PDB file of N, CA and C in Angstrom:
ATOM      1  N   UNK A   1       6.666 -29.403  40.733  1.00  0.00           N
ATOM      2  CA  UNK A   1       6.761 -29.594  39.301  1.00  0.00           C
ATOM      3  C   UNK A   1       8.238 -29.616  38.934  1.00  0.00           C
ATOM      4  N   UNK A   2       8.594 -30.564  38.100  1.00  0.00           N
ATOM      5  CA  UNK A   2       9.994 -30.697  37.710  1.00  0.00           C
ATOM      6  C   UNK A   2      10.358 -29.680  36.636  1.00  0.00           C
ATOM      7  N   UNK A   3      11.656 -29.444  36.479  1.00  0.00           N
ATOM      8  CA  UNK A   3      12.163 -28.517  35.457  1.00  0.00           C
ATOM      9  C   UNK A   3      11.791 -29.047  34.077  1.00  0.00           C
ATOM     10  N   UNK A   4      11.890 -30.339  33.906  1.00  0.00           N
ATOM     11  CA  UNK A   4      11.566 -30.952  32.617  1.00  0.00           C
ATOM     12  C   UNK A   4      10.111 -30.691  32.255  1.00  0.00           C
ATOM     13  N   UNK A   5       9.240 -30.864  33.225  1.00  0.00           N
ATOM     14  CA  UNK A   5       7.801 -30.644  33.008  1.00  0.00           C
ATOM     15  C   UNK A   5       7.527 -29.157  32.736  1.00  0.00           C
ATOM     16  N   UNK A   6       8.197 -28.292  33.475  1.00  0.00           N
ATOM     17  CA  UNK A   6       8.035 -26.856  33.293  1.00  0.00           C
ATOM     18  C   UNK A   6       8.481 -26.431  31.902  1.00  0.00           C
ATOM     19  N   UNK A   7       9.617 -26.982  31.442  1.00  0.00           N
ATOM     20  CA  UNK A   7      10.100 -26.675  30.088  1.00  0.00           C
ATOM     21  C   UNK A   7       9.104 -27.163  29.048  1.00  0.00           C
ATOM     22  N   UNK A   8       8.509 -28.323  29.284  1.00  0.00           N
ATOM     23  CA  UNK A   8       7.538 -28.875  28.343  1.00  0.00           C
ATOM     24  C   UNK A   8       6.299 -27.980  28.246  1.00  0.00           C
ATOM     25  N   UNK A   9       5.951 -27.315  29.339  1.00  0.00           N
ATOM     26  CA  UNK A   9       4.806 -26.411  29.322  1.00  0.00           C
ATOM     27  C   UNK A   9       5.158 -25.049  28.713  1.00  0.00           C
ATOM     28  N   UNK A  10       6.354 -24.580  28.975  1.00  0.00           N
ATOM     29  CA  UNK A  10       6.754 -23.255  28.519  1.00  0.00           C
ATOM     30  C   UNK A  10       7.062 -23.228  27.026  1.00  0.00           C
ATOM     31  N   UNK A  11       7.664 -24.281  26.502  1.00  0.00           N
ATOM     32  CA  UNK A  11       8.073 -24.295  25.091  1.00  0.00           C
ATOM     33  C   UNK A  11       6.911 -24.008  24.137  1.00  0.00           C
ATOM     34  N   UNK A  12       5.766 -24.680  24.270  1.00  0.00           N
ATOM     35  CA  UNK A  12       4.654 -24.354  23.356  1.00  0.00           C
ATOM     36  C   UNK A  12       4.141 -22.925  23.533  1.00  0.00           C
ATOM     37  N   UNK A  13       4.156 -22.442  24.784  1.00  0.00           N
ATOM     38  CA  UNK A  13       3.710 -21.074  25.018  1.00  0.00           C
ATOM     39  C   UNK A  13       4.668 -20.074  24.382  1.00  0.00           C
ATOM     40  N   UNK A  14       5.945 -20.340  24.465  1.00  0.00           N
ATOM     41  CA  UNK A  14       6.935 -19.456  23.846  1.00  0.00           C
ATOM     42  C   UNK A  14       6.777 -19.464  22.332  1.00  0.00           C
ATOM     43  N   UNK A  15       6.541 -20.641  21.767  1.00  0.00           N
ATOM     44  CA  UNK A  15       6.340 -20.748  20.319  1.00  0.00           C
ATOM     45  C   UNK A  15       5.082 -19.999  19.903  1.00  0.00           C
ATOM     46  N   UNK A  16       4.020 -20.146  20.667  1.00  0.00           N
ATOM     47  CA  UNK A  16       2.778 -19.434  20.355  1.00  0.00           C
ATOM     48  C   UNK A  16       2.995 -17.928  20.425  1.00  0.00           C
ATOM     49  N   UNK A  17       3.738 -17.475  21.421  1.00  0.00           N
ATOM     50  CA  UNK A  17       4.039 -16.050  21.534  1.00  0.00           C
ATOM     51  C   UNK A  17       4.866 -15.550  20.372  1.00  0.00           C
ATOM     52  N   UNK A  18       5.838 -16.348  19.937  1.00  0.00           N
ATOM     53  CA  UNK A  18       6.668 -15.975  18.797  1.00  0.00           C
ATOM     54  C   UNK A  18       5.830 -15.897  17.525  1.00  0.00           C
ATOM     55  N   UNK A  19       4.973 -16.869  17.316  1.00  0.00           N
ATOM     56  CA  UNK A  19       4.109 -16.852  16.128  1.00  0.00           C
ATOM     57  C   UNK A  19       3.154 -15.655  16.159  1.00  0.00           C
ATOM     58  N   UNK A  20       2.634 -15.354  17.319  1.00  0.00           N
ATOM     59  CA  UNK A  20       1.741 -14.196  17.432  1.00  0.00           C
ATOM     60  C   UNK A  20       2.493 -12.904  17.134  1.00  0.00           C
ATOM     61  N   UNK A  21       3.727 -12.811  17.587  1.00  0.00           N
ATOM     62  CA  UNK A  21       4.531 -11.616  17.318  1.00  0.00           C
ATOM     63  C   UNK A  21       4.797 -11.483  15.825  1.00  0.00           C
ATOM     64  N   UNK A  22       5.077 -12.586  15.162  1.00  0.00           N
ATOM     65  CA  UNK A  22       5.294 -12.543  13.714  1.00  0.00           C
ATOM     66  C   UNK A  22       4.025 -12.125  12.992  1.00  0.00           C
ATOM     67  N   UNK A  23       2.906 -12.684  13.408  1.00  0.00           N
ATOM     68  CA  UNK A  23       1.630 -12.339  12.775  1.00  0.00           C
ATOM     69  C   UNK A  23       1.315 -10.872  12.996  1.00  0.00           C
ATOM     70  N   UNK A  24       1.598 -10.382  14.184  1.00  0.00           N
ATOM     71  CA  UNK A  24       1.345  -8.973  14.473  1.00  0.00           C
ATOM     72  C   UNK A  24       2.222  -8.099  13.590  1.00  0.00           C
ATOM     73  N   UNK A  25       3.480  -8.480  13.407  1.00  0.00           N
ATOM     74  CA  UNK A  25       4.375  -7.732  12.532  1.00  0.00           C
ATOM     75  C   UNK A  25       3.856  -7.696  11.112  1.00  0.00           C
ATOM     76  N   UNK A  26       3.369  -8.822  10.628  1.00  0.00           N
ATOM     77  CA  UNK A  26       2.811  -8.895   9.283  1.00  0.00           C
ATOM     78  C   UNK A  26       1.541  -8.056   9.192  1.00  0.00           C
ATOM     79  N   UNK A  27       0.703  -8.148  10.211  1.00  0.00           N
ATOM     80  CA  UNK A  27      -0.517  -7.335  10.221  1.00  0.00           C
ATOM     81  C   UNK A  27      -0.172  -5.850  10.187  1.00  0.00           C
ATOM     82  N   UNK A  28       0.875  -5.481  10.925  1.00  0.00           N
ATOM     83  CA  UNK A  28       1.300  -4.075  10.918  1.00  0.00           C
ATOM     84  C   UNK A  28       1.793  -3.665   9.539  1.00  0.00           C
ATOM     85  N   UNK A  29       2.526  -4.548   8.860  1.00  0.00           N
ATOM     86  CA  UNK A  29       3.007  -4.239   7.513  1.00  0.00           C
ATOM     87  C   UNK A  29       1.841  -4.073   6.540  1.00  0.00           C
ATOM     88  N   UNK A  30       0.856  -4.957   6.638  1.00  0.00           N
ATOM     89  CA  UNK A  30      -0.316  -4.861   5.768  1.00  0.00           C
ATOM     90  C   UNK A  30      -1.116  -3.591   6.070  1.00  0.00           C
ATOM     91  N   UNK A  31      -1.255  -3.270   7.341  1.00  0.00           N
ATOM     92  CA  UNK A  31      -1.985  -2.057   7.717  1.00  0.00           C
ATOM     93  C   UNK A  31      -1.253  -0.810   7.216  1.00  0.00           C
ATOM     94  N   UNK A  32       0.061  -0.806   7.352  1.00  0.00           N
ATOM     95  CA  UNK A  32       0.845   0.345   6.871  1.00  0.00           C
ATOM     96  C   UNK A  32       0.720   0.482   5.358  1.00  0.00           C
ATOM     97  N   UNK A  33       0.728  -0.640   4.658  1.00  0.00           N
ATOM     98  CA  UNK A  33       0.570  -0.595   3.201  1.00  0.00           C
ATOM     99  C   UNK A  33      -0.813  -0.072   2.830  1.00  0.00           C
ATOM    100  N   UNK A  34      -1.834  -0.484   3.561  1.00  0.00           N
ATOM    101  CA  UNK A  34      -3.196  -0.003   3.287  1.00  0.00           C
ATOM    102  C   UNK A  34      -3.301   1.502   3.513  1.00  0.00           C
ATOM    103  N   UNK A  35      -2.655   2.002   4.550  1.00  0.00           N
ATOM    104  CA  UNK A  35      -2.670   3.444   4.816  1.00  0.00           C
ATOM    105  C   UNK A  35      -1.934   4.188   3.702  1.00  0.00           C
ATOM    106  N   UNK A  36      -0.797   3.644   3.271  1.00  0.00           N
ATOM    107  CA  UNK A  36      -0.039   4.273   2.180  1.00  0.00           C
ATOM    108  C   UNK A  36      -0.847   4.295   0.891  1.00  0.00           C
ATOM    109  N   UNK A  37      -1.537   3.187   0.620  1.00  0.00           N
ATOM    110  CA  UNK A  37      -2.366   3.124  -0.582  1.00  0.00           C
ATOM    111  C   UNK A  37      -3.496   4.152  -0.495  1.00  0.00           C
ATOM    112  N   UNK A  38      -4.125   4.261   0.655  1.00  0.00           N
ATOM    113  CA  UNK A  38      -5.213   5.229   0.815  1.00  0.00           C
ATOM    114  C   UNK A  38      -4.702   6.653   0.626  1.00  0.00           C
ATOM    115  N   UNK A  39      -3.524   6.948   1.152  1.00  0.00           N
ATOM    116  CA  UNK A  39      -2.953   8.285   0.997  1.00  0.00           C
ATOM    117  C   UNK A  39      -2.666   8.584  -0.478  1.00  0.00           C
ATOM    118  N   UNK A  40      -2.129   7.601  -1.193  1.00  0.00           N
ATOM    119  CA  UNK A  40      -1.846   7.788  -2.622  1.00  0.00           C
ATOM    120  C   UNK A  40      -3.149   7.966  -3.404  1.00  0.00           C
ATOM    121  N   UNK A  41      -4.167   7.192  -3.048  1.00  0.00           N
ATOM    122  CA  UNK A  41      -5.452   7.325  -3.733  1.00  0.00           C
ATOM    123  C   UNK A  41      -6.093   8.685  -3.467  1.00  0.00           C
ATOM    124  N   UNK A  42      -5.902   9.216  -2.281  1.00  0.00           N
ATOM    125  CA  UNK A  42      -6.417  10.556  -1.965  1.00  0.00           C
ATOM    126  C   UNK A  42      -5.711  11.599  -2.823  1.00  0.00           C
ATOM    127  N   UNK A  43      -4.396  11.481  -2.948  1.00  0.00           N
ATOM    128  CA  UNK A  43      -3.638  12.412  -3.794  1.00  0.00           C
ATOM    129  C   UNK A  43      -4.059  12.266  -5.256  1.00  0.00           C
ATOM    130  N   UNK A  44      -4.291  11.028  -5.689  1.00  0.00           N
ATOM    131  CA  UNK A  44      -4.727  10.791  -7.071  1.00  0.00           C
ATOM    132  C   UNK A  44      -6.094  11.429  -7.320  1.00  0.00           C
ATOM    133  N   UNK A  45      -6.993  11.303  -6.378  1.00  0.00           N
ATOM    134  CA  UNK A  45      -8.328  11.902  -6.518  1.00  0.00           C
ATOM    135  C   UNK A  45      -8.242  13.423  -6.576  1.00  0.00           C
ATOM    136  N   UNK A  46      -7.369  13.989  -5.775  1.00  0.00           N
ATOM    137  CA  UNK A  46      -7.174  15.436  -5.788  1.00  0.00           C
ATOM    138  C   UNK A  46      -6.660  15.885  -7.154  1.00  0.00           C
ATOM    139  N   UNK A  47      -5.689  15.147  -7.695  1.00  0.00           N
ATOM    140  CA  UNK A  47      -5.148  15.479  -9.015  1.00  0.00           C
ATOM    141  C   UNK A  47      -6.244  15.346 -10.081  1.00  0.00           C
ATOM    142  N   UNK A  48      -6.987  14.248 -10.048  1.00  0.00           N
ATOM    143  CA  UNK A  48      -8.012  14.005 -11.064  1.00  0.00           C
ATOM    144  C   UNK A  48      -9.127  15.045 -11.010  1.00  0.00           C
ATOM    145  N   UNK A  49      -9.331  15.655  -9.849  1.00  0.00           N
ATOM    146  CA  UNK A  49     -10.386  16.661  -9.709  1.00  0.00           C
ATOM    147  C   UNK A  49      -9.992  18.024 -10.298  1.00  0.00           C
ATOM    148  N   UNK A  50      -8.715  18.189 -10.621  1.00  0.00           N
ATOM    149  CA  UNK A  50      -8.284  19.459 -11.228  1.00  0.00           C
ATOM    150  C   UNK A  50      -8.910  19.605 -12.613  1.00  0.00           C
ATOM    151  N   UNK A  51      -9.082  20.833 -13.087  1.00  0.00           N
ATOM    152  CA  UNK A  51      -9.568  21.013 -14.459  1.00  0.00           C
ATOM    153  C   UNK A  51      -8.582  20.371 -15.439  1.00  0.00           C
ATOM    154  N   UNK A  52      -9.098  19.957 -16.577  1.00  0.00           N
ATOM    155  CA  UNK A  52      -8.241  19.302 -17.571  1.00  0.00           C
ATOM    156  C   UNK A  52      -7.309  20.321 -18.216  1.00  0.00           C
ATOM    157  N   UNK A  53      -6.070  19.888 -18.421  1.00  0.00           N
ATOM    158  CA  UNK A  53      -5.092  20.737 -19.103  1.00  0.00           C
ATOM    159  C   UNK A  53      -5.622  21.078 -20.496  1.00  0.00           C
ATOM    160  N   UNK A  54      -5.334  22.276 -20.927  1.00  0.00           N
ATOM    161  CA  UNK A  54      -5.822  22.751 -22.214  1.00  0.00           C
ATOM    162  C   UNK A  54      -7.093  23.558 -22.084  1.00  0.00           C
ATOM    163  N   UNK A  55      -7.762  23.424 -20.943  1.00  0.00           N
ATOM    164  CA  UNK A  55      -8.985  24.193 -20.712  1.00  0.00           C
ATOM    165  C   UNK A  55      -8.740  25.300 -19.706  1.00  0.00           C
ATOM    166  N   UNK A  56      -7.500  25.406 -19.247  1.00  0.00           N
ATOM    167  CA  UNK A  56      -7.165  26.404 -18.225  1.00  0.00           C
ATOM    168  C   UNK A  56      -6.088  27.347 -18.757  1.00  0.00           C
ATOM    169  N   UNK A  57      -5.988  28.530 -18.194  1.00  0.00           N
ATOM    170  CA  UNK A  57      -4.919  29.446 -18.614  1.00  0.00           C
ATOM    171  C   UNK A  57      -3.542  28.850 -18.299  1.00  0.00           C
ATOM    172  N   UNK A  58      -2.547  29.271 -19.071  1.00  0.00           N
ATOM    173  CA  UNK A  58      -1.183  28.804 -18.864  1.00  0.00           C
ATOM    174  C   UNK A  58      -0.758  29.109 -17.431  1.00  0.00           C
ATOM    175  N   UNK A  59      -0.113  28.132 -16.802  1.00  0.00           N
ATOM    176  CA  UNK A  59       0.359  28.298 -15.430  1.00  0.00           C
ATOM    177  C   UNK A  59      -0.639  27.884 -14.370  1.00  0.00           C
ATOM    178  N   UNK A  60      -1.851  27.512 -14.761  1.00  0.00           N
ATOM    179  CA  UNK A  60      -2.877  27.076 -13.817  1.00  0.00           C
ATOM    180  C   UNK A  60      -2.734  25.571 -13.577  1.00  0.00           C
ATOM    181  N   UNK A  61      -2.959  25.149 -12.357  1.00  0.00           N
ATOM    182  CA  UNK A  61      -2.925  23.717 -12.070  1.00  0.00           C
ATOM    183  C   UNK A  61      -3.984  23.009 -12.903  1.00  0.00           C
ATOM    184  N   UNK A  62      -3.581  21.879 -13.491  1.00  0.00           N
ATOM    185  CA  UNK A  62      -4.519  21.125 -14.322  1.00  0.00           C
ATOM    186  C   UNK A  62      -4.139  19.652 -14.310  1.00  0.00           C
ATOM    187  N   UNK A  63      -5.036  18.809 -14.801  1.00  0.00           N
ATOM    188  CA  UNK A  63      -4.776  17.371 -14.879  1.00  0.00           C
ATOM    189  C   UNK A  63      -4.839  16.914 -16.331  1.00  0.00           C
ATOM    190  N   UNK A  64      -3.953  15.995 -16.650  1.00  0.00           N
ATOM    191  CA  UNK A  64      -3.852  15.467 -18.003  1.00  0.00           C
ATOM    192  C   UNK A  64      -4.605  14.133 -18.086  1.00  0.00           C
ATOM    193  N   UNK A  65      -5.518  13.959 -19.056  1.00  0.00           N
ATOM    194  CA  UNK A  65      -6.280  12.707 -19.153  1.00  0.00           C
ATOM    195  C   UNK A  65      -5.393  11.460 -19.284  1.00  0.00           C
ATOM    196  N   UNK A  66      -4.280  11.559 -20.016  1.00  0.00           N
ATOM    197  CA  UNK A  66      -3.388  10.399 -20.152  1.00  0.00           C
ATOM    198  C   UNK A  66      -2.732  10.057 -18.813  1.00  0.00           C
ATOM    199  N   UNK A  67      -2.405  11.085 -18.052  1.00  0.00           N
ATOM    200  CA  UNK A  67      -1.817  10.851 -16.732  1.00  0.00           C
ATOM    201  C   UNK A  67      -2.843  10.230 -15.800  1.00  0.00           C
ATOM    202  N   UNK A  68      -4.080  10.695 -15.892  1.00  0.00           N
ATOM    203  CA  UNK A  68      -5.145  10.106 -15.071  1.00  0.00           C
ATOM    204  C   UNK A  68      -5.324   8.622 -15.411  1.00  0.00           C
ATOM    205  N   UNK A  69      -5.268   8.282 -16.694  1.00  0.00           N
ATOM    206  CA  UNK A  69      -5.381   6.871 -17.097  1.00  0.00           C
ATOM    207  C   UNK A  69      -4.227   6.051 -16.527  1.00  0.00           C
ATOM    208  N   UNK A  70      -3.021   6.605 -16.553  1.00  0.00           N
ATOM    209  CA  UNK A  70      -1.859   5.902 -15.994  1.00  0.00           C
ATOM    210  C   UNK A  70      -2.005   5.723 -14.483  1.00  0.00           C
ATOM    211  N   UNK A  71      -2.557   6.743 -13.831  1.00  0.00           N
ATOM    212  CA  UNK A  71      -2.790   6.656 -12.384  1.00  0.00           C
ATOM    213  C   UNK A  71      -3.799   5.554 -12.085  1.00  0.00           C
ATOM    214  N   UNK A  72      -4.861   5.489 -12.872  1.00  0.00           N
ATOM    215  CA  UNK A  72      -5.876   4.435 -12.662  1.00  0.00           C
ATOM    216  C   UNK A  72      -5.258   3.049 -12.812  1.00  0.00           C
ATOM    217  N   UNK A  73      -4.422   2.877 -13.817  1.00  0.00           N
ATOM    218  CA  UNK A  73      -3.769   1.574 -14.030  1.00  0.00           C
ATOM    219  C   UNK A  73      -2.849   1.235 -12.860  1.00  0.00           C
ATOM    220  N   UNK A  74      -2.059   2.202 -12.408  1.00  0.00           N
ATOM    221  CA  UNK A  74      -1.150   1.970 -11.284  1.00  0.00           C
ATOM    222  C   UNK A  74      -1.930   1.691 -10.000  1.00  0.00           C
ATOM    223  N   UNK A  75      -3.058   2.380  -9.821  1.00  0.00           N
ATOM    224  CA  UNK A  75      -3.894   2.161  -8.648  1.00  0.00           C
ATOM    225  C   UNK A  75      -4.466   0.749  -8.647  1.00  0.00           C
ATOM    226  N   UNK A  76      -4.927   0.297  -9.796  1.00  0.00           N
ATOM    227  CA  UNK A  76      -5.479  -1.062  -9.885  1.00  0.00           C
ATOM    228  C   UNK A  76      -4.418  -2.096  -9.515  1.00  0.00           C
ATOM    229  N   UNK A  77      -3.188  -1.899 -10.011  1.00  0.00           N
ATOM    230  CA  UNK A  77      -2.104  -2.838  -9.685  1.00  0.00           C
ATOM    231  C   UNK A  77      -1.783  -2.815  -8.196  1.00  0.00           C
ATOM    232  N   UNK A  78      -1.714  -1.621  -7.617  1.00  0.00           N
ATOM    233  CA  UNK A  78      -1.400  -1.498  -6.190  1.00  0.00           C
ATOM    234  C   UNK A  78      -2.502  -2.132  -5.340  1.00  0.00           C
ATOM    235  N   UNK A  79      -3.748  -1.851  -5.691  1.00  0.00           N
ATOM    236  CA  UNK A  79      -4.872  -2.410  -4.944  1.00  0.00           C
ATOM    237  C   UNK A  79      -4.886  -3.940  -5.042  1.00  0.00           C
ATOM    238  N   UNK A  80      -4.743  -4.455  -6.262  1.00  0.00           N
ATOM    239  CA  UNK A  80      -4.736  -5.907  -6.452  1.00  0.00           C
ATOM    240  C   UNK A  80      -3.582  -6.566  -5.696  1.00  0.00           C
ATOM    241  N   UNK A  81      -2.442  -5.909  -5.676  1.00  0.00           N
ATOM    242  CA  UNK A  81      -1.280  -6.427  -4.961  1.00  0.00           C
ATOM    243  C   UNK A  81      -1.545  -6.512  -3.465  1.00  0.00           C
ATOM    244  N   UNK A  82      -2.161  -5.480  -2.917  1.00  0.00           N
ATOM    245  CA  UNK A  82      -2.473  -5.471  -1.485  1.00  0.00           C
ATOM    246  C   UNK A  82      -3.522  -6.530  -1.152  1.00  0.00           C
ATOM    247  N   UNK A  83      -4.562  -6.631  -1.952  1.00  0.00           N
ATOM    248  CA  UNK A  83      -5.599  -7.636  -1.706  1.00  0.00           C
ATOM    249  C   UNK A  83      -5.010  -9.047  -1.782  1.00  0.00           C
ATOM    250  N   UNK A  84      -4.154  -9.281  -2.753  1.00  0.00           N
ATOM    251  CA  UNK A  84      -3.498 -10.580  -2.887  1.00  0.00           C
ATOM    252  C   UNK A  84      -2.644 -10.890  -1.660  1.00  0.00           C
ATOM    253  N   UNK A  85      -1.899  -9.891  -1.183  1.00  0.00           N
ATOM    254  CA  UNK A  85      -1.059 -10.083   0.007  1.00  0.00           C
ATOM    255  C   UNK A  85      -1.909 -10.409   1.227  1.00  0.00           C
ATOM    256  N   UNK A  86      -3.043  -9.745   1.354  1.00  0.00           N
ATOM    257  CA  UNK A  86      -3.935 -10.012   2.484  1.00  0.00           C
ATOM    258  C   UNK A  86      -4.468 -11.439   2.419  1.00  0.00           C
ATOM    259  N   UNK A  87      -4.810 -11.901   1.225  1.00  0.00           N
ATOM    260  CA  UNK A  87      -5.315 -13.280   1.065  1.00  0.00           C
ATOM    261  C   UNK A  87      -4.238 -14.294   1.421  1.00  0.00           C
ATOM    262  N   UNK A  88      -3.007 -14.037   0.995  1.00  0.00           N
ATOM    263  CA  UNK A  88      -1.890 -14.936   1.317  1.00  0.00           C
ATOM    264  C   UNK A  88      -1.692 -14.976   2.832  1.00  0.00           C
ATOM    265  N   UNK A  89      -1.739 -13.820   3.486  1.00  0.00           N
ATOM    266  CA  UNK A  89      -1.549 -13.757   4.935  1.00  0.00           C
ATOM    267  C   UNK A  89      -2.662 -14.495   5.675  1.00  0.00           C
ATOM    268  N   UNK A  90      -3.903 -14.317   5.228  1.00  0.00           N
ATOM    269  CA  UNK A  90      -5.030 -15.000   5.864  1.00  0.00           C
ATOM    270  C   UNK A  90      -4.897 -16.511   5.721  1.00  0.00           C
ATOM    271  N   UNK A  91      -4.335 -16.951   4.600  1.00  0.00           N
ATOM    272  CA  UNK A  91      -4.149 -18.386   4.371  1.00  0.00           C
ATOM    273  C   UNK A  91      -2.939 -18.931   5.130  1.00  0.00           C
ATOM    274  N   UNK A  92      -2.222 -18.054   5.842  1.00  0.00           N
ATOM    275  CA  UNK A  92      -1.086 -18.513   6.630  1.00  0.00           C
ATOM    276  C   UNK A  92       0.249 -18.416   5.912  1.00  0.00           C
ATOM    277  N   UNK A  93       0.235 -17.845   4.719  1.00  0.00           N
ATOM    278  CA  UNK A  93       1.471 -17.713   3.961  1.00  0.00           C
ATOM    279  C   UNK A  93       2.179 -16.403   4.270  1.00  0.00           C
ATOM    280  N   UNK A  94       3.268 -16.214   3.551  1.00  0.00           N
ATOM    281  CA  UNK A  94       4.062 -14.988   3.703  1.00  0.00           C
ATOM    282  C   UNK A  94       3.935 -14.179   2.421  1.00  0.00           C
ATOM    283  N   UNK A  95       3.189 -13.080   2.467  1.00  0.00           N
ATOM    284  CA  UNK A  95       3.012 -12.279   1.256  1.00  0.00           C
ATOM    285  C   UNK A  95       4.292 -11.539   0.880  1.00  0.00           C
ATOM    286  N   UNK A  96       4.381 -11.191  -0.377  1.00  0.00           N
ATOM    287  CA  UNK A  96       5.527 -10.446  -0.891  1.00  0.00           C
ATOM    288  C   UNK A  96       5.289  -8.963  -0.648  1.00  0.00           C
ATOM    289  N   UNK A  97       5.676  -8.493   0.528  1.00  0.00           N
ATOM    290  CA  UNK A  97       5.442  -7.098   0.885  1.00  0.00           C
ATOM    291  C   UNK A  97       6.315  -6.150   0.078  1.00  0.00           C
ATOM    292  N   UNK A  98       7.438  -6.642  -0.417  1.00  0.00           N
ATOM    293  CA  UNK A  98       8.283  -5.803  -1.273  1.00  0.00           C
ATOM    294  C   UNK A  98       7.509  -5.449  -2.542  1.00  0.00           C
ATOM    295  N   UNK A  99       6.809  -6.422  -3.118  1.00  0.00           N
ATOM    296  CA  UNK A  99       6.015  -6.175  -4.325  1.00  0.00           C
ATOM    297  C   UNK A  99       4.849  -5.234  -4.028  1.00  0.00           C
ATOM    298  N   UNK A 100       4.217  -5.416  -2.893  1.00  0.00           N
ATOM    299  CA  UNK A 100       3.097  -4.546  -2.505  1.00  0.00           C
ATOM    300  C   UNK A 100       3.584  -3.102  -2.379  1.00  0.00           C
ATOM    301  N   UNK A 101       4.669  -2.924  -1.642  1.00  0.00           N
ATOM    302  CA  UNK A 101       5.190  -1.573  -1.430  1.00  0.00           C
ATOM    303  C   UNK A 101       5.704  -0.958  -2.731  1.00  0.00           C
ATOM    304  N   UNK A 102       6.257  -1.776  -3.614  1.00  0.00           N
ATOM    305  CA  UNK A 102       6.722  -1.268  -4.910  1.00  0.00           C
ATOM    306  C   UNK A 102       5.539  -0.805  -5.759  1.00  0.00           C
ATOM    307  N   UNK A 103       4.437  -1.543  -5.716  1.00  0.00           N
ATOM    308  CA  UNK A 103       3.248  -1.158  -6.485  1.00  0.00           C
ATOM    309  C   UNK A 103       2.662   0.150  -5.948  1.00  0.00           C
ATOM    310  N   UNK A 104       2.670   0.307  -4.643  1.00  0.00           N
ATOM    311  CA  UNK A 104       2.161   1.554  -4.053  1.00  0.00           C
ATOM    312  C   UNK A 104       3.099   2.713  -4.383  1.00  0.00           C
ATOM    313  N   UNK A 105       4.395   2.454  -4.364  1.00  0.00           N
ATOM    314  CA  UNK A 105       5.368   3.494  -4.723  1.00  0.00           C
ATOM    315  C   UNK A 105       5.200   3.902  -6.188  1.00  0.00           C
ATOM    316  N   UNK A 106       4.922   2.927  -7.061  1.00  0.00           N
ATOM    317  CA  UNK A 106       4.704   3.243  -8.478  1.00  0.00           C
ATOM    318  C   UNK A 106       3.463   4.120  -8.649  1.00  0.00           C
ATOM    319  N   UNK A 107       2.429   3.834  -7.878  1.00  0.00           N
ATOM    320  CA  UNK A 107       1.230   4.684  -7.922  1.00  0.00           C
ATOM    321  C   UNK A 107       1.574   6.098  -7.472  1.00  0.00           C
ATOM    322  N   UNK A 108       2.268   6.210  -6.375  1.00  0.00           N
ATOM    323  CA  UNK A 108       2.646   7.530  -5.866  1.00  0.00           C
ATOM    324  C   UNK A 108       3.489   8.298  -6.875  1.00  0.00           C
ATOM    325  N   UNK A 109       4.391   7.597  -7.537  1.00  0.00           N
ATOM    326  CA  UNK A 109       5.263   8.240  -8.527  1.00  0.00           C
ATOM    327  C   UNK A 109       4.483   8.692  -9.760  1.00  0.00           C
ATOM    328  N   UNK A 110       3.361   8.045 -10.048  1.00  0.00           N
ATOM    329  CA  UNK A 110       2.557   8.405 -11.228  1.00  0.00           C
ATOM    330  C   UNK A 110       1.747   9.677 -11.020  1.00  0.00           C
ATOM    331  N   UNK A 111       1.624  10.128  -9.780  1.00  0.00           N
ATOM    332  CA  UNK A 111       0.811  11.297  -9.460  1.00  0.00           C
ATOM    333  C   UNK A 111       1.697  12.541  -9.534  1.00  0.00           C
ATOM    334  N   UNK A 112       1.401  13.451 -10.454  1.00  0.00           N
ATOM    335  CA  UNK A 112       2.213  14.655 -10.561  1.00  0.00           C
ATOM    336  C   UNK A 112       2.086  15.539  -9.325  1.00  0.00           C
ATOM    337  N   UNK A 113       3.115  16.316  -9.088  1.00  0.00           N
ATOM    338  CA  UNK A 113       3.088  17.289  -8.007  1.00  0.00           C
ATOM    339  C   UNK A 113       2.570  18.604  -8.551  1.00  0.00           C
ATOM    340  N   UNK A 114       2.325  19.557  -7.683  1.00  0.00           N
ATOM    341  CA  UNK A 114       1.837  20.872  -8.118  1.00  0.00           C
ATOM    342  C   UNK A 114       2.816  21.515  -9.092  1.00  0.00           C
ATOM    343  N   UNK A 115       4.101  21.279  -8.893  1.00  0.00           N
ATOM    344  CA  UNK A 115       5.114  21.893  -9.766  1.00  0.00           C
ATOM    345  C   UNK A 115       5.034  21.340 -11.192  1.00  0.00           C
ATOM    346  N   UNK A 116       4.548  20.117 -11.346  1.00  0.00           N
ATOM    347  CA  UNK A 116       4.489  19.516 -12.693  1.00  0.00           C
ATOM    348  C   UNK A 116       3.082  19.500 -13.255  1.00  0.00           C
ATOM    349  N   UNK A 117       2.125  20.093 -12.568  1.00  0.00           N
ATOM    350  CA  UNK A 117       0.720  20.052 -13.001  1.00  0.00           C
ATOM    351  C   UNK A 117       0.235  21.386 -13.562  1.00  0.00           C
ATOM    352  N   UNK A 118       1.127  22.196 -14.047  1.00  0.00           N
ATOM    353  CA  UNK A 118       0.747  23.515 -14.578  1.00  0.00           C
ATOM    354  C   UNK A 118       0.379  23.415 -16.059  1.00  0.00           C
ATOM    355  N   UNK A 119      -0.656  24.117 -16.432  1.00  0.00           N
ATOM    356  CA  UNK A 119      -1.100  24.127 -17.830  1.00  0.00           C
ATOM    357  C   UNK A 119      -0.057  24.719 -18.767  1.00  0.00           C
ATOM    358  N   UNK A 120      -0.149  24.352 -20.025  1.00  0.00           N
ATOM    359  CA  UNK A 120       0.847  24.804 -21.005  1.00  0.00           C
ATOM    360  C   UNK A 120       0.248  25.810 -21.951  1.00  0.00           C
TER     361      UNK A 120
END
């Protein structure tokens, strides 16, 4: 087999390998975003399960209904962003992972910590 023929056979295989590596990288990014979203949703559920502020003694962990509404809105945006990115990736496009990660970060930021969830 000539070098020219060998190069002709190897080039498509190398391109296929490169494309597969890119797809795997994108799949890993989408999977990581899904895990981050699930973790944020778990924290949001934990917060929402706390007794409502105003019904607990001062200093007790509680959840604020307005904060829960904001969390729901942020969760919907993060979820929709991830689903949209997955659809773009399946169609062969390049999803905006910066937007996906920003939406998940906004959800995480909307969830109060124990230090900020004390009744008044």
